[in-house]
Amino acid sequence: MSNKFRSSGYHPIRKLKVILAGLHVAVVTDFSVAYKVILSVPVLVGAFLFRQWIDVGLILLAMGLVLISELFNSAIEVLCDFVEPQQNDRIRVTKDIAAAAAGLSILVWAAILVIESVRLFQLR
C-alpha cells in the first residue's frame, strides 16, 4: 500500500459525514428515494412498537435494498449524463439496465411493505 493512502488515516467521523451528506442529497433531490423512506418509516415504527423483531429486520432489509438500488441508479444516471450529455443508444441501454435493477428492488420492497402492513394491522 502506498504512503498516499496511509498518510490520511482512517477517519470514521469523516466517513459518516460523507454518508449522511450523500443520503441527504438523495432524499432532498430525488423524489424516488424520498417517498420510499416516507412510506417505509411508519411500517417500520409499527413493527417496532408491536415488537415484531423479525418483521423489523425484514423491513429494514427491504428498505436497504431499495435505497441502495435507487442510489446506484441515480449515481449511474448522473454519471452517464456527465459523460455523454447528448442522446446516445449505449447510454440509454446503461440507464435502462440500472432502472430495471431499481424496478425489481421496488417490487420486492412494495410486496414486503404490503405484507407487513397487513400483518401489523391484524395485530391491532
Protein backbone atom coordinates (compact mmCIF):
# COMPACT_ATOMS: atom_id res chain seq x y z
CA MET A 1 0.00 0.00 0.00
CA SER A 2 1.43 3.37 -0.92
CA ASN A 3 2.09 6.17 1.53
CA LYS A 4 -0.53 8.23 -0.25
CA PHE A 5 -3.26 6.11 1.36
CA ARG A 6 -1.63 5.74 4.78
CA SER A 7 -0.98 9.40 5.46
CA SER A 8 -4.62 10.41 5.66
CA GLY A 9 -5.57 7.61 8.05
CA TYR A 10 -9.00 6.29 8.71
CA HIS A 11 -11.46 8.88 9.98
CA PRO A 12 -14.81 7.26 10.80
CA ILE A 13 -16.46 10.58 11.66
CA ARG A 14 -15.46 12.00 8.27
CA LYS A 15 -16.80 8.86 6.56
CA LEU A 16 -20.07 9.15 8.47
CA LYS A 17 -20.40 12.81 7.43
CA VAL A 18 -19.91 11.83 3.78
CA ILE A 19 -22.52 9.07 4.08
CA LEU A 20 -25.04 11.38 5.72
CA ALA A 21 -24.36 14.12 3.15
CA GLY A 22 -24.98 11.66 0.31
CA LEU A 23 -28.21 10.42 1.91
CA HIS A 24 -29.35 14.00 2.48
CA VAL A 25 -28.75 14.91 -1.16
CA ALA A 26 -30.55 11.77 -2.33
CA VAL A 27 -33.60 12.27 -0.10
CA VAL A 28 -33.91 16.02 -0.78
CA THR A 29 -33.25 15.98 -4.52
CA ASP A 30 -34.60 12.61 -5.63
CA PHE A 31 -38.33 12.03 -5.09
CA SER A 32 -37.95 8.31 -5.84
CA VAL A 33 -35.72 7.98 -2.76
CA ALA A 34 -37.76 10.31 -0.52
CA TYR A 35 -41.13 8.63 -0.96
CA LYS A 36 -39.68 5.20 -0.22
CA VAL A 37 -38.32 6.46 3.07
CA ILE A 38 -41.61 8.20 3.87
CA LEU A 39 -43.66 5.06 3.16
CA SER A 40 -41.29 2.69 4.94
CA VAL A 41 -40.83 4.51 8.23
CA PRO A 42 -44.44 4.17 9.54
CA VAL A 43 -44.46 0.43 8.82
CA LEU A 44 -41.06 0.09 10.47
CA VAL A 45 -42.23 2.04 13.53
CA GLY A 46 -45.38 -0.10 13.74
CA ALA A 47 -43.37 -3.31 13.65
CA PHE A 48 -41.04 -1.91 16.28
CA LEU A 49 -43.91 -0.85 18.56
CA PHE A 50 -45.55 -4.28 18.29
CA ARG A 51 -42.14 -5.86 18.99
CA GLN A 52 -42.20 -7.90 15.82
CA TRP A 53 -38.41 -8.14 15.58
CA ILE A 54 -38.26 -10.42 12.55
CA ASP A 55 -40.59 -8.02 10.74
CA VAL A 56 -38.40 -5.07 11.76
CA GLY A 57 -35.40 -6.86 10.28
CA LEU A 58 -37.26 -7.74 7.09
CA ILE A 59 -38.50 -4.16 6.63
CA LEU A 60 -35.00 -2.78 7.26
CA LEU A 61 -33.60 -5.24 4.73
CA ALA A 62 -36.21 -4.26 2.13
CA MET A 63 -35.60 -0.54 2.80
CA GLY A 64 -31.88 -1.05 2.47
CA LEU A 65 -32.25 -2.98 -0.77
CA VAL A 66 -34.50 -0.42 -2.41
CA LEU A 67 -32.49 2.59 -1.21
CA ILE A 68 -29.18 1.07 -2.29
CA SER A 69 -30.55 0.24 -5.74
CA GLU A 70 -32.09 3.72 -6.10
CA LEU A 71 -28.83 5.37 -5.04
CA PHE A 72 -26.86 3.30 -7.54
CA ASN A 73 -29.43 4.04 -10.24
CA SER A 74 -29.23 7.78 -9.53
CA ALA A 75 -25.44 7.71 -9.48
CA ILE A 76 -25.31 5.84 -12.79
CA GLU A 77 -27.75 8.30 -14.39
CA VAL A 78 -25.79 11.34 -13.18
CA LEU A 79 -22.51 9.81 -14.37
CA CYS A 80 -23.97 8.90 -17.77
CA ASP A 81 -25.36 12.41 -18.23
CA PHE A 82 -21.98 13.86 -17.31
CA VAL A 83 -20.05 11.60 -19.68
CA GLU A 84 -22.48 11.96 -22.60
CA PRO A 85 -24.96 14.85 -22.41
CA GLN A 86 -26.32 14.08 -25.90
CA GLN A 87 -28.68 11.23 -26.76
CA ASN A 88 -26.71 8.02 -27.10
CA ASP A 89 -28.07 4.48 -27.51
CA ARG A 90 -25.33 2.95 -25.36
CA ILE A 91 -26.05 5.39 -22.55
CA ARG A 92 -29.79 4.68 -22.89
CA VAL A 93 -29.17 0.94 -22.53
CA THR A 94 -26.97 1.53 -19.48
CA LYS A 95 -29.65 3.68 -17.86
CA ASP A 96 -32.36 1.15 -18.74
CA ILE A 97 -30.43 -1.68 -17.07
CA ALA A 98 -29.87 0.43 -13.94
CA ALA A 99 -33.57 1.35 -13.90
CA ALA A 100 -34.53 -2.33 -14.26
CA ALA A 101 -32.44 -3.21 -11.20
CA ALA A 102 -34.11 -0.43 -9.23
CA GLY A 103 -37.52 -1.53 -10.51
CA LEU A 104 -37.03 -5.11 -9.33
CA SER A 105 -36.00 -3.93 -5.89
CA ILE A 106 -39.07 -1.68 -5.79
CA LEU A 107 -41.31 -4.69 -6.46
CA VAL A 108 -39.71 -6.63 -3.60
CA TRP A 109 -39.89 -3.59 -1.30
CA ALA A 110 -43.55 -2.92 -2.13
CA ALA A 111 -44.53 -6.55 -1.60
CA ILE A 112 -42.81 -6.64 1.79
CA LEU A 113 -44.40 -3.35 2.87
CA VAL A 114 -47.88 -4.53 1.87
CA ILE A 115 -47.49 -7.91 3.57
CA GLU A 116 -46.07 -6.37 6.74
CA SER A 117 -48.71 -3.62 6.84
CA VAL A 118 -51.48 -6.21 6.63
CA ARG A 119 -49.83 -8.32 9.35
CA LEU A 120 -49.39 -5.32 11.65
CA PHE A 121 -52.98 -4.22 11.06
CA GLN A 122 -54.14 -7.69 12.10
CA LEU A 123 -52.15 -7.44 15.35
CA ARG A 124 -54.11 -4.37 16.44
